[in-house]
C-alpha atoms as a PDB file:
ATOM      1  CA  UNK A   1       0.000   0.000   0.000  1.00  0.00           C
ATOM      2  CA  UNK A   2       2.853   2.412   0.798  1.00  0.00           C
ATOM      3  CA  UNK A   3       4.471   1.822  -2.578  1.00  0.00           C
ATOM      4  CA  UNK A   4       1.188   2.598  -4.311  1.00  0.00           C
ATOM      5  CA  UNK A   5       0.883   5.856  -2.342  1.00  0.00           C
ATOM      6  CA  UNK A   6       4.480   6.815  -3.161  1.00  0.00           C
ATOM      7  CA  UNK A   7       3.827   6.254  -6.861  1.00  0.00           C
ATOM      8  CA  UNK A   8       0.516   8.119  -6.675  1.00  0.00           C
ATOM      9  CA  UNK A   9       2.082  11.102  -4.920  1.00  0.00           C
ATOM     10  CA  UNK A  10       4.927  11.203  -7.443  1.00  0.00           C
ATOM     11  CA  UNK A  11       2.485  11.141 -10.372  1.00  0.00           C
ATOM     12  CA  UNK A  12       0.380  13.912  -8.820  1.00  0.00           C
ATOM     13  CA  UNK A  13       3.443  16.086  -8.258  1.00  0.00           C
ATOM     14  CA  UNK A  14       4.617  15.578 -11.838  1.00  0.00           C
ATOM     15  CA  UNK A  15       1.193  16.461 -13.242  1.00  0.00           C
ATOM     16  CA  UNK A  16       1.043  19.613 -11.105  1.00  0.00           C
ATOM     17  CA  UNK A  17       4.529  20.710 -12.154  1.00  0.00           C
ATOM     18  CA  UNK A  18       3.848  20.090 -15.837  1.00  0.00           C
ATOM     19  CA  UNK A  19       0.693  22.204 -15.785  1.00  0.00           C
ATOM     20  CA  UNK A  20       2.428  24.968 -13.826  1.00  0.00           C
ATOM     21  CA  UNK A  21       5.169  25.079 -16.444  1.00  0.00           C
ATOM     22  CA  UNK A  22       2.666  24.993 -19.297  1.00  0.00           C
ATOM     23  CA  UNK A  23       0.797  27.951 -17.847  1.00  0.00           C
ATOM     24  CA  UNK A  24       3.965  30.071 -17.955  1.00  0.00           C
ATOM     25  CA  UNK A  25       2.754  30.946 -21.464  1.00  0.00           C
ATOM     26  CA  UNK A  26       0.241  33.252 -19.788  1.00  0.00           C
ATOM     27  CA  UNK A  27       3.034  35.802 -19.458  1.00  0.00           C
ATOM     28  CA  UNK A  28       2.984  36.227 -23.224  1.00  0.00           C
ATOM     29  CA  UNK A  29      -0.679  37.274 -22.924  1.00  0.00           C
ATOM     30  CA  UNK A  30       0.193  40.058 -20.495  1.00  0.00           C
ATOM     31  CA  UNK A  31      -0.299  38.369 -17.119  1.00  0.00           C
ATOM     32  CA  UNK A  32       1.775  39.670 -14.213  1.00  0.00           C
ATOM     33  CA  UNK A  33       3.526  37.417 -11.713  1.00  0.00           C
ATOM     34  CA  UNK A  34       0.779  37.997  -9.122  1.00  0.00           C
ATOM     35  CA  UNK A  35      -1.959  37.130 -11.617  1.00  0.00           C
ATOM     36  CA  UNK A  36      -0.008  34.000 -12.572  1.00  0.00           C
ATOM     37  CA  UNK A  37       0.306  32.905  -8.933  1.00  0.00           C
ATOM     38  CA  UNK A  38      -3.392  33.578  -8.369  1.00  0.00           C
ATOM     39  CA  UNK A  39      -4.230  31.540 -11.470  1.00  0.00           C
ATOM     40  CA  UNK A  40      -2.011  28.663 -10.307  1.00  0.00           C
ATOM     41  CA  UNK A  41      -3.653  28.547  -6.862  1.00  0.00           C
ATOM     42  CA  UNK A  42      -7.166  28.557  -8.331  1.00  0.00           C
ATOM     43  CA  UNK A  43      -6.577  25.827 -10.909  1.00  0.00           C
ATOM     44  CA  UNK A  44      -7.165  22.230  -9.807  1.00  0.00           C
ATOM     45  CA  UNK A  45      -4.571  20.888 -12.252  1.00  0.00           C
ATOM     46  CA  UNK A  46      -1.861  22.845 -10.465  1.00  0.00           C
ATOM     47  CA  UNK A  47      -3.172  22.210  -6.954  1.00  0.00           C
ATOM     48  CA  UNK A  48      -2.670  18.492  -7.565  1.00  0.00           C
ATOM     49  CA  UNK A  49       1.043  19.139  -6.951  1.00  0.00           C
ATOM     50  CA  UNK A  50       0.379  20.218  -3.373  1.00  0.00           C
ATOM     51  CA  UNK A  51      -1.890  17.226  -2.762  1.00  0.00           C
ATOM     52  CA  UNK A  52       0.843  14.890  -3.984  1.00  0.00           C
ATOM     53  CA  UNK A  53       3.446  16.715  -1.911  1.00  0.00           C
ATOM     54  CA  UNK A  54       1.253  16.405   1.170  1.00  0.00           C
ATOM     55  CA  UNK A  55       0.827  12.661   0.665  1.00  0.00           C
ATOM     56  CA  UNK A  56       4.566  12.289   0.161  1.00  0.00           C
ATOM     57  CA  UNK A  57       5.440  14.233   3.314  1.00  0.00           C
ATOM     58  CA  UNK A  58       2.939  12.228   5.367  1.00  0.00           C
ATOM     59  CA  UNK A  59       4.410   8.971   4.072  1.00  0.00           C
ATOM     60  CA  UNK A  60       7.951  10.065   4.891  1.00  0.00           C
ATOM     61  CA  UNK A  61       7.232  11.290   8.415  1.00  0.00           C
ATOM     62  CA  UNK A  62       4.820   8.497   9.351  1.00  0.00           C
ATOM     63  CA  UNK A  63       6.316   5.812  11.509  1.00  0.00           C
ATOM     64  CA  UNK A  64       6.393   2.306  10.083  1.00  0.00           C
END
């Protein structure tokens, strides 16, 4: 079960990072850095990174 959760958290973090990098193109449409950060924190595709990171941290710090 732990291996499955490690793999799941890794996949979620990769998906979140990929979408965050893809949305950097918003700067070419005139977005500022604050608007970009607001957009990232309101988009579920990018929030998946933090969910995966949370699962990963819990798995690391949890006792066996």
